């Protein structure tokens, strides 16, 4: 089953607290954090990996189990195949909701997706749908392991409960499944995409950086 955890990284904005977790990172992750110019970026990088390691330790998840990480603003996200399936593909994405960028939507989204955003009446509704499409598209791209190398117009998403892939490239013949999450009072969009049909509909928040 795919399970997803989210954690608030604001404690890592404190330099002393950040350094405590930084010292436990593997070298390649330290190097990645070091490349970040601002403290938010450093906290995101260190926090995402620390969250993964906490999940592995707390729940006995094997290191070879499929996982994916994401971060935005004050939060980090980690999705893991807790059953440890070797062939599982999983991608997750979290994005803080801002003003919808219609130029980006027109350039990178499919016509049906762009039109769905335009149909929304208010600016807030347009932003909500824009970022919903964004995390759904990026989570699929990460699940395919192609990331931004995959043309965002090469696959089409239909919004629903859950959303569905209406069209995808022929080189990805497997079935992909979606799950979306919402946290009360938190202005973020969150989505997970996986070849594993069993996706926990609850997002877990118990792991902290206190």
Protein backbone atom coordinates (compact mmCIF):
# COMPACT_ATOMS: atom_id res chain seq x y z
CA UNK A 1 0.00 0.00 0.00
CA UNK A 2 1.09 3.56 -0.71
CA UNK A 3 1.09 5.71 2.42
CA UNK A 4 1.92 9.39 2.61
CA UNK A 5 3.32 11.53 5.40
CA UNK A 6 3.56 15.32 5.65
CA UNK A 7 5.63 17.31 8.14
CA UNK A 8 5.99 20.98 9.06
CA UNK A 9 9.63 22.07 8.66
CA UNK A 10 9.40 25.45 10.39
CA UNK A 11 11.41 24.13 13.39
CA UNK A 12 14.31 23.68 10.94
CA UNK A 13 14.41 27.41 10.25
CA UNK A 14 16.24 27.65 13.56
CA UNK A 15 19.94 27.19 12.75
CA UNK A 16 20.77 25.06 15.81
CA UNK A 17 17.79 22.76 15.23
CA UNK A 18 18.64 22.48 11.54
CA UNK A 19 22.26 21.56 12.28
CA UNK A 20 21.14 18.75 14.58
CA UNK A 21 19.28 17.08 11.71
CA UNK A 22 21.84 18.10 9.08
CA UNK A 23 24.57 16.12 10.87
CA UNK A 24 22.55 12.92 10.39
CA UNK A 25 22.18 13.31 6.62
CA UNK A 26 24.21 11.21 4.16
CA UNK A 27 26.91 13.13 2.32
CA UNK A 28 25.02 13.44 -0.97
CA UNK A 29 22.06 14.97 0.86
CA UNK A 30 24.29 17.35 2.78
CA UNK A 31 25.73 18.50 -0.54
CA UNK A 32 22.26 19.09 -1.91
CA UNK A 33 21.23 21.10 1.17
CA UNK A 34 24.46 23.09 0.99
CA UNK A 35 23.62 24.19 -2.55
CA UNK A 36 20.47 25.89 -1.31
CA UNK A 37 20.94 29.62 -0.87
CA UNK A 38 18.20 30.33 1.65
CA UNK A 39 17.28 28.65 4.93
CA UNK A 40 13.86 27.59 3.63
CA UNK A 41 15.49 25.59 0.84
CA UNK A 42 18.01 24.03 3.20
CA UNK A 43 15.22 23.08 5.61
CA UNK A 44 13.16 21.59 2.78
CA UNK A 45 16.04 19.47 1.50
CA UNK A 46 17.13 18.23 4.92
CA UNK A 47 13.56 17.83 6.12
CA UNK A 48 12.39 15.68 3.21
CA UNK A 49 15.20 13.17 3.69
CA UNK A 50 14.81 13.19 7.47
CA UNK A 51 11.10 12.46 7.06
CA UNK A 52 11.89 9.46 4.85
CA UNK A 53 14.40 8.09 7.34
CA UNK A 54 11.93 8.59 10.20
CA UNK A 55 9.29 6.61 8.28
CA UNK A 56 11.75 3.79 7.59
CA UNK A 57 12.72 3.62 11.25
CA UNK A 58 9.26 4.06 12.77
CA UNK A 59 7.41 1.67 10.45
CA UNK A 60 10.12 -0.81 9.49
CA UNK A 61 10.01 0.12 5.80
CA UNK A 62 12.81 -1.50 3.81
CA UNK A 63 15.30 0.76 2.04
CA UNK A 64 14.51 -0.79 -1.35
CA UNK A 65 10.83 0.14 -1.05
CA UNK A 66 9.66 2.66 -3.65
CA UNK A 67 9.34 6.21 -2.37
CA UNK A 68 9.11 9.79 -3.54
CA UNK A 69 9.71 13.15 -1.89
CA UNK A 70 8.34 16.63 -2.42
CA UNK A 71 8.36 19.97 -0.65
CA UNK A 72 6.81 23.40 -0.88
CA UNK A 73 6.76 26.31 1.53
CA UNK A 74 6.74 25.10 5.12
CA UNK A 75 6.01 21.43 4.39
CA UNK A 76 7.76 18.29 3.17
CA UNK A 77 5.98 15.25 1.78
CA UNK A 78 6.96 11.59 1.48
CA UNK A 79 5.04 8.74 -0.17
CA UNK A 80 6.22 5.17 0.39
CA UNK A 81 5.16 1.70 -0.73
CA UNK A 82 5.06 0.18 2.74
CA UNK A 83 4.75 -3.32 1.26
CA UNK A 84 8.14 -2.92 -0.36
CA UNK A 85 7.10 -3.87 -3.89
CA UNK A 86 10.14 -3.82 -6.18
CA UNK A 87 8.21 -2.82 -9.32
CA UNK A 88 6.04 -0.13 -7.79
CA UNK A 89 6.22 3.36 -9.24
CA UNK A 90 5.15 6.27 -7.07
CA UNK A 91 5.27 10.04 -7.35
CA UNK A 92 4.02 12.73 -5.01
CA UNK A 93 3.77 16.49 -5.17
CA UNK A 94 2.83 19.34 -2.87
CA UNK A 95 2.44 22.96 -3.96
CA UNK A 96 1.46 26.05 -2.05
CA UNK A 97 -1.54 27.72 -3.68
CA UNK A 98 -0.75 31.10 -5.22
CA UNK A 99 -2.30 33.05 -8.09
CA UNK A 100 -2.98 30.87 -11.12
CA UNK A 101 -0.42 31.45 -13.86
CA UNK A 102 -2.56 31.24 -16.97
CA UNK A 103 0.43 31.72 -19.30
CA UNK A 104 1.99 28.59 -17.81
CA UNK A 105 -1.33 26.74 -18.07
CA UNK A 106 -1.75 27.75 -21.72
CA UNK A 107 1.78 26.69 -22.59
CA UNK A 108 2.11 23.44 -20.65
CA UNK A 109 -1.40 22.09 -19.95
CA UNK A 110 -3.64 20.23 -22.38
CA UNK A 111 -6.45 22.30 -23.97
CA UNK A 112 -9.12 20.53 -21.90
CA UNK A 113 -7.20 21.25 -18.68
CA UNK A 114 -6.68 24.90 -19.61
CA UNK A 115 -10.36 25.28 -20.46
CA UNK A 116 -11.37 23.70 -17.15
CA UNK A 117 -9.45 26.43 -15.33
CA UNK A 118 -11.04 29.15 -17.48
CA UNK A 119 -14.51 27.85 -16.63
CA UNK A 120 -14.01 28.71 -12.97
CA UNK A 121 -15.83 31.86 -11.95
CA UNK A 122 -13.53 33.47 -9.39
CA UNK A 123 -9.79 34.04 -9.24
CA UNK A 124 -9.61 31.84 -6.13
CA UNK A 125 -11.38 28.99 -7.93
CA UNK A 126 -9.06 29.34 -10.91
CA UNK A 127 -6.03 29.13 -8.62
CA UNK A 128 -7.49 26.08 -6.86
CA UNK A 129 -8.00 24.17 -10.12
CA UNK A 130 -4.67 25.34 -11.60
CA UNK A 131 -2.72 23.96 -8.65
CA UNK A 132 -4.83 20.83 -8.55
CA UNK A 133 -3.83 20.08 -12.13
CA UNK A 134 -0.23 21.01 -11.37
CA UNK A 135 0.27 18.49 -8.54
CA UNK A 136 -1.61 15.79 -10.46
CA UNK A 137 0.58 16.29 -13.50
CA UNK A 138 3.84 16.50 -11.58
CA UNK A 139 3.07 13.43 -9.45
CA UNK A 140 2.54 11.38 -12.63
CA UNK A 141 5.75 12.73 -14.14
CA UNK A 142 7.65 11.74 -11.02
CA UNK A 143 5.99 8.31 -10.92
CA UNK A 144 7.19 7.60 -14.48
CA UNK A 145 10.71 8.60 -13.31
CA UNK A 146 10.95 11.04 -16.21
CA UNK A 147 10.22 14.16 -14.19
CA UNK A 148 10.35 17.42 -16.15
CA UNK A 149 11.78 15.57 -19.16
CA UNK A 150 8.22 14.37 -19.86
CA UNK A 151 6.12 16.72 -21.98
CA UNK A 152 3.22 17.91 -19.79
CA UNK A 153 0.94 17.90 -22.84
CA UNK A 154 1.71 14.24 -23.58
CA UNK A 155 -0.81 13.12 -20.95
CA UNK A 156 -4.25 14.41 -20.03
CA UNK A 157 -5.99 14.41 -16.66
CA UNK A 158 -9.70 14.31 -15.95
CA UNK A 159 -10.70 15.77 -12.62
CA UNK A 160 -12.88 13.56 -10.43
CA UNK A 161 -12.92 11.70 -7.14
CA UNK A 162 -10.38 10.30 -7.77
CA UNK A 163 -8.88 11.98 -10.84
CA UNK A 164 -8.02 9.78 -13.83
CA UNK A 165 -5.49 9.74 -16.63
CA UNK A 166 -7.57 10.16 -19.78
CA UNK A 167 -4.54 9.84 -22.02
CA UNK A 168 -0.87 8.98 -21.51
CA UNK A 169 2.21 8.17 -23.63
CA UNK A 170 2.41 4.66 -25.09
CA UNK A 171 5.73 4.04 -23.34
CA UNK A 172 3.89 3.91 -20.02
CA UNK A 173 1.41 1.05 -20.54
CA UNK A 174 0.84 0.32 -16.86
CA UNK A 175 -2.24 1.61 -15.03
CA UNK A 176 -1.69 4.61 -12.76
CA UNK A 177 -3.89 5.63 -9.86
CA UNK A 178 -4.36 8.93 -8.05
CA UNK A 179 -5.14 10.14 -4.57
CA UNK A 180 -5.51 13.74 -3.43
CA UNK A 181 -5.19 15.11 0.10
CA UNK A 182 -6.33 18.22 1.91
CA UNK A 183 -5.33 19.62 5.27
CA UNK A 184 -7.76 21.96 7.02
CA UNK A 185 -6.48 25.51 7.12
CA UNK A 186 -3.40 24.73 5.03
CA UNK A 187 -3.40 26.37 1.55
CA UNK A 188 -1.62 23.59 -0.34
CA UNK A 189 -2.54 21.07 -3.02
CA UNK A 190 -1.26 17.52 -2.53
CA UNK A 191 -1.43 14.54 -4.89
CA UNK A 192 0.03 11.04 -5.17
CA UNK A 193 0.22 8.91 -8.31
CA UNK A 194 1.22 5.25 -8.34
CA UNK A 195 1.03 1.99 -10.23
CA UNK A 196 -0.12 0.48 -6.91
CA UNK A 197 -3.91 0.66 -6.73
CA UNK A 198 -4.02 0.54 -2.94
CA UNK A 199 -3.35 4.11 -1.80
CA UNK A 200 -4.13 5.13 1.76
CA UNK A 201 -6.71 7.93 1.64
CA UNK A 202 -5.47 9.34 4.95
CA UNK A 203 -2.42 11.59 5.03
CA UNK A 204 -0.29 11.08 8.14
CA UNK A 205 0.96 14.00 10.22
CA UNK A 206 2.40 12.41 13.37
CA UNK A 207 6.10 12.68 12.47
CA UNK A 208 7.55 16.02 13.59
CA UNK A 209 10.84 17.92 13.73
CA UNK A 210 10.47 19.00 17.37
